[in-house]
Amino acid sequence: MVEFKKILFAVDLSEASPKLVPYVTTAAEKFDSEIHLLFVVRVLQHFASIYVPHATISNFEREIAEGAEKKLHEFKEAYFGSFPNVITTVLIGSVGEEILNYIQSAGIDLLIMGTHGRQGLDKIIFGSADSCQHRSGI
């Protein structure tokens, strides 16, 4: 039987994130898993091409990361307060790359993440956090 000892819950801290909590907690309880909450601050370096000073961009990214750390801690307390093994991490970079790097470096067994803002054909093909409420994979 496959066991998921480390679960990564990549969140964007939108209204979609709490909708996935029951799936994360169910898996964590079933497999006695460590939960990793990850938020990635998107890199804003592309704004340097419009003459925004690099120091300004770096400071703004750092401020976003600090705010995200506070918000992620609040999210952890609100939804995972009863779980003893919850690790929170905020990274700055390309979202996809940082998630993949984190999976590899932390030895993650299962990734749970939602989508939001998808409409039309994208929503049908890729799904959404709302559609997860109608599925059961665990």
C-alpha atoms as a PDB file:
ATOM      1  CA  MET A   1       0.000   0.000   0.000  1.00  0.00           C
ATOM      2  CA  VAL A   2       1.217   3.490  -0.846  1.00  0.00           C
ATOM      3  CA  GLU A   3       1.829   5.716   2.160  1.00  0.00           C
ATOM      4  CA  PHE A   4       2.059   9.471   2.122  1.00  0.00           C
ATOM      5  CA  LYS A   5       4.274  10.463   5.044  1.00  0.00           C
ATOM      6  CA  LYS A   6       4.823  14.021   3.802  1.00  0.00           C
ATOM      7  CA  ILE A   7       1.986  15.965   2.209  1.00  0.00           C
ATOM      8  CA  LEU A   8       2.579  19.299   0.529  1.00  0.00           C
ATOM      9  CA  PHE A   9      -0.432  21.603   0.485  1.00  0.00           C
ATOM     10  CA  ALA A  10       0.525  24.444  -1.839  1.00  0.00           C
ATOM     11  CA  VAL A  11      -1.805  27.345  -1.125  1.00  0.00           C
ATOM     12  CA  ASP A  12      -2.448  30.707  -2.704  1.00  0.00           C
ATOM     13  CA  LEU A  13      -4.362  31.895   0.386  1.00  0.00           C
ATOM     14  CA  SER A  14      -7.417  32.690  -1.740  1.00  0.00           C
ATOM     15  CA  GLU A  15     -10.972  31.622  -0.946  1.00  0.00           C
ATOM     16  CA  ALA A  16     -10.204  28.324  -2.711  1.00  0.00           C
ATOM     17  CA  SER A  17      -7.567  27.219  -0.176  1.00  0.00           C
ATOM     18  CA  PRO A  18      -9.926  26.392   2.733  1.00  0.00           C
ATOM     19  CA  LYS A  19     -12.080  24.274   0.398  1.00  0.00           C
ATOM     20  CA  LEU A  20      -9.228  21.784   0.055  1.00  0.00           C
ATOM     21  CA  VAL A  21      -8.479  21.506   3.774  1.00  0.00           C
ATOM     22  CA  PRO A  22     -10.798  18.485   4.304  1.00  0.00           C
ATOM     23  CA  TYR A  23      -8.862  16.531   1.664  1.00  0.00           C
ATOM     24  CA  VAL A  24      -5.519  17.399   3.238  1.00  0.00           C
ATOM     25  CA  THR A  25      -6.670  16.558   6.761  1.00  0.00           C
ATOM     26  CA  THR A  26      -8.290  13.286   5.666  1.00  0.00           C
ATOM     27  CA  ALA A  27      -5.096  12.148   3.953  1.00  0.00           C
ATOM     28  CA  ALA A  28      -2.942  13.314   6.874  1.00  0.00           C
ATOM     29  CA  GLU A  29      -5.083  11.446   9.393  1.00  0.00           C
ATOM     30  CA  LYS A  30      -5.212   8.298   7.286  1.00  0.00           C
ATOM     31  CA  PHE A  31      -1.447   8.127   6.764  1.00  0.00           C
ATOM     32  CA  ASP A  32      -0.265   9.901   9.929  1.00  0.00           C
ATOM     33  CA  SER A  33       1.422  12.431   7.671  1.00  0.00           C
ATOM     34  CA  GLU A  34       3.480  15.526   8.191  1.00  0.00           C
ATOM     35  CA  ILE A  35       1.753  18.479   6.484  1.00  0.00           C
ATOM     36  CA  HIS A  36       3.775  21.113   4.651  1.00  0.00           C
ATOM     37  CA  LEU A  37       1.973  24.373   3.881  1.00  0.00           C
ATOM     38  CA  LEU A  38       3.709  26.285   1.097  1.00  0.00           C
ATOM     39  CA  PHE A  39       3.050  29.733  -0.325  1.00  0.00           C
ATOM     40  CA  VAL A  40       5.176  31.039  -3.182  1.00  0.00           C
ATOM     41  CA  VAL A  41       5.525  34.772  -3.754  1.00  0.00           C
ATOM     42  CA  ARG A  42       5.757  35.366  -7.479  1.00  0.00           C
ATOM     43  CA  VAL A  43       8.987  36.985  -8.573  1.00  0.00           C
ATOM     44  CA  LEU A  44       8.420  40.527  -9.830  1.00  0.00           C
ATOM     45  CA  GLN A  45      11.723  40.854 -11.698  1.00  0.00           C
ATOM     46  CA  HIS A  46       9.926  41.366 -15.034  1.00  0.00           C
ATOM     47  CA  PHE A  47       9.011  44.881 -13.833  1.00  0.00           C
ATOM     48  CA  ALA A  48      12.697  45.837 -13.955  1.00  0.00           C
ATOM     49  CA  SER A  49      12.326  46.209 -17.715  1.00  0.00           C
ATOM     50  CA  ILE A  50      10.061  49.233 -17.155  1.00  0.00           C
ATOM     51  CA  TYR A  51      12.684  51.059 -15.113  1.00  0.00           C
ATOM     52  CA  VAL A  52      11.512  50.154 -11.652  1.00  0.00           C
ATOM     53  CA  PRO A  53      14.657  50.076  -9.497  1.00  0.00           C
ATOM     54  CA  HIS A  54      15.794  46.568  -8.528  1.00  0.00           C
ATOM     55  CA  ALA A  55      15.966  47.561  -4.852  1.00  0.00           C
ATOM     56  CA  THR A  56      12.317  48.651  -4.953  1.00  0.00           C
ATOM     57  CA  ILE A  57      11.244  45.362  -6.506  1.00  0.00           C
ATOM     58  CA  SER A  58      13.260  43.321  -3.991  1.00  0.00           C
ATOM     59  CA  ASN A  59      11.854  45.302  -1.061  1.00  0.00           C
ATOM     60  CA  PHE A  60       8.302  44.818  -2.308  1.00  0.00           C
ATOM     61  CA  GLU A  61       8.844  41.064  -2.751  1.00  0.00           C
ATOM     62  CA  ARG A  62      10.240  40.875   0.783  1.00  0.00           C
ATOM     63  CA  GLU A  63       7.238  42.779   2.175  1.00  0.00           C
ATOM     64  CA  ILE A  64       4.855  40.447   0.364  1.00  0.00           C
ATOM     65  CA  ALA A  65       6.746  37.449   1.773  1.00  0.00           C
ATOM     66  CA  GLU A  66       6.541  38.848   5.317  1.00  0.00           C
ATOM     67  CA  GLY A  67       2.791  39.410   4.939  1.00  0.00           C
ATOM     68  CA  ALA A  68       2.385  35.939   3.477  1.00  0.00           C
ATOM     69  CA  GLU A  69       4.216  34.395   6.451  1.00  0.00           C
ATOM     70  CA  LYS A  70       1.745  36.034   8.835  1.00  0.00           C
ATOM     71  CA  LYS A  71      -1.244  35.017   6.746  1.00  0.00           C
ATOM     72  CA  LEU A  72       0.058  31.452   6.349  1.00  0.00           C
ATOM     73  CA  HIS A  73       0.532  31.184  10.118  1.00  0.00           C
ATOM     74  CA  GLU A  74      -3.076  32.358  10.623  1.00  0.00           C
ATOM     75  CA  PHE A  75      -4.224  29.808   8.026  1.00  0.00           C
ATOM     76  CA  LYS A  76      -2.308  27.062   9.846  1.00  0.00           C
ATOM     77  CA  GLU A  77      -3.842  28.000  13.203  1.00  0.00           C
ATOM     78  CA  ALA A  78      -7.362  28.226  11.779  1.00  0.00           C
ATOM     79  CA  TYR A  79      -7.368  24.958   9.828  1.00  0.00           C
ATOM     80  CA  PHE A  80      -4.547  22.780  11.183  1.00  0.00           C
ATOM     81  CA  GLY A  81      -4.330  23.780  14.834  1.00  0.00           C
ATOM     82  CA  SER A  82      -4.986  20.243  16.023  1.00  0.00           C
ATOM     83  CA  PHE A  83      -2.273  18.693  13.829  1.00  0.00           C
ATOM     84  CA  PRO A  84       1.104  18.376  15.552  1.00  0.00           C
ATOM     85  CA  ASN A  85       3.271  18.112  12.440  1.00  0.00           C
ATOM     86  CA  VAL A  86       2.620  21.157  10.264  1.00  0.00           C
ATOM     87  CA  ILE A  87       5.473  23.043   8.628  1.00  0.00           C
ATOM     88  CA  THR A  88       4.900  26.430   6.998  1.00  0.00           C
ATOM     89  CA  THR A  89       7.170  27.833   4.315  1.00  0.00           C
ATOM     90  CA  VAL A  90       7.084  30.962   2.167  1.00  0.00           C
ATOM     91  CA  LEU A  91       9.379  31.129  -0.853  1.00  0.00           C
ATOM     92  CA  ILE A  92      10.007  33.773  -3.496  1.00  0.00           C
ATOM     93  CA  GLY A  93      10.332  32.672  -7.123  1.00  0.00           C
ATOM     94  CA  SER A  94       8.540  31.068 -10.025  1.00  0.00           C
ATOM     95  CA  VAL A  95       5.567  29.250  -8.497  1.00  0.00           C
ATOM     96  CA  GLY A  96       5.897  26.017 -10.471  1.00  0.00           C
ATOM     97  CA  GLU A  97       9.657  25.797 -10.108  1.00  0.00           C
ATOM     98  CA  GLU A  98       9.593  26.519  -6.386  1.00  0.00           C
ATOM     99  CA  ILE A  99       6.899  23.890  -5.766  1.00  0.00           C
ATOM    100  CA  LEU A 100       8.881  21.271  -7.698  1.00  0.00           C
ATOM    101  CA  ASN A 101      12.126  22.204  -5.915  1.00  0.00           C
ATOM    102  CA  TYR A 102      10.368  21.994  -2.543  1.00  0.00           C
ATOM    103  CA  ILE A 103       8.904  18.576  -3.377  1.00  0.00           C
ATOM    104  CA  GLN A 104      12.361  17.266  -4.176  1.00  0.00           C
ATOM    105  CA  SER A 105      14.246  18.894  -1.310  1.00  0.00           C
ATOM    106  CA  ALA A 106      11.691  17.998   1.388  1.00  0.00           C
ATOM    107  CA  GLY A 107      10.981  14.473   0.131  1.00  0.00           C
ATOM    108  CA  ILE A 108       7.272  15.133  -0.409  1.00  0.00           C
ATOM    109  CA  ASP A 109       5.106  12.095  -1.181  1.00  0.00           C
ATOM    110  CA  LEU A 110       1.854  13.826  -2.145  1.00  0.00           C
ATOM    111  CA  LEU A 111       1.024  17.271  -3.504  1.00  0.00           C
ATOM    112  CA  ILE A 112      -2.419  18.759  -2.969  1.00  0.00           C
ATOM    113  CA  MET A 113      -3.221  22.082  -4.573  1.00  0.00           C
ATOM    114  CA  GLY A 114      -6.224  23.766  -6.047  1.00  0.00           C
ATOM    115  CA  THR A 115      -6.872  26.147  -8.837  1.00  0.00           C
ATOM    116  CA  HIS A 116      -8.878  29.302  -8.928  1.00  0.00           C
ATOM    117  CA  GLY A 117      -9.918  31.781 -11.539  1.00  0.00           C
ATOM    118  CA  ARG A 118     -10.386  29.196 -14.252  1.00  0.00           C
ATOM    119  CA  GLN A 119     -13.358  29.545 -16.527  1.00  0.00           C
ATOM    120  CA  GLY A 120     -14.818  27.772 -19.508  1.00  0.00           C
ATOM    121  CA  LEU A 121     -12.761  25.041 -21.113  1.00  0.00           C
ATOM    122  CA  ASP A 122      -9.835  25.510 -18.670  1.00  0.00           C
ATOM    123  CA  LYS A 123     -12.167  24.772 -15.739  1.00  0.00           C
ATOM    124  CA  ILE A 124     -13.561  21.670 -17.449  1.00  0.00           C
ATOM    125  CA  ILE A 125     -10.095  20.321 -18.313  1.00  0.00           C
ATOM    126  CA  PHE A 126      -8.125  21.340 -15.230  1.00  0.00           C
ATOM    127  CA  GLY A 127     -10.890  21.536 -12.636  1.00  0.00           C
ATOM    128  CA  SER A 128     -11.212  23.903  -9.727  1.00  0.00           C
ATOM    129  CA  ALA A 129     -11.295  23.850  -5.960  1.00  0.00           C
ATOM    130  CA  ASP A 130     -15.087  23.877  -6.192  1.00  0.00           C
ATOM    131  CA  SER A 131     -15.110  20.728  -8.305  1.00  0.00           C
ATOM    132  CA  CYS A 132     -12.909  18.964  -5.719  1.00  0.00           C
ATOM    133  CA  GLN A 133     -15.848  18.976  -3.353  1.00  0.00           C
ATOM    134  CA  HIS A 134     -17.542  16.500  -5.660  1.00  0.00           C
ATOM    135  CA  ARG A 135     -14.602  14.117  -5.936  1.00  0.00           C
ATOM    136  CA  SER A 136     -13.170  11.649  -3.504  1.00  0.00           C
ATOM    137  CA  GLY A 137      -9.744  10.202  -4.106  1.00  0.00           C
ATOM    138  CA  ILE A 138      -8.779   9.042  -0.634  1.00  0.00           C
END
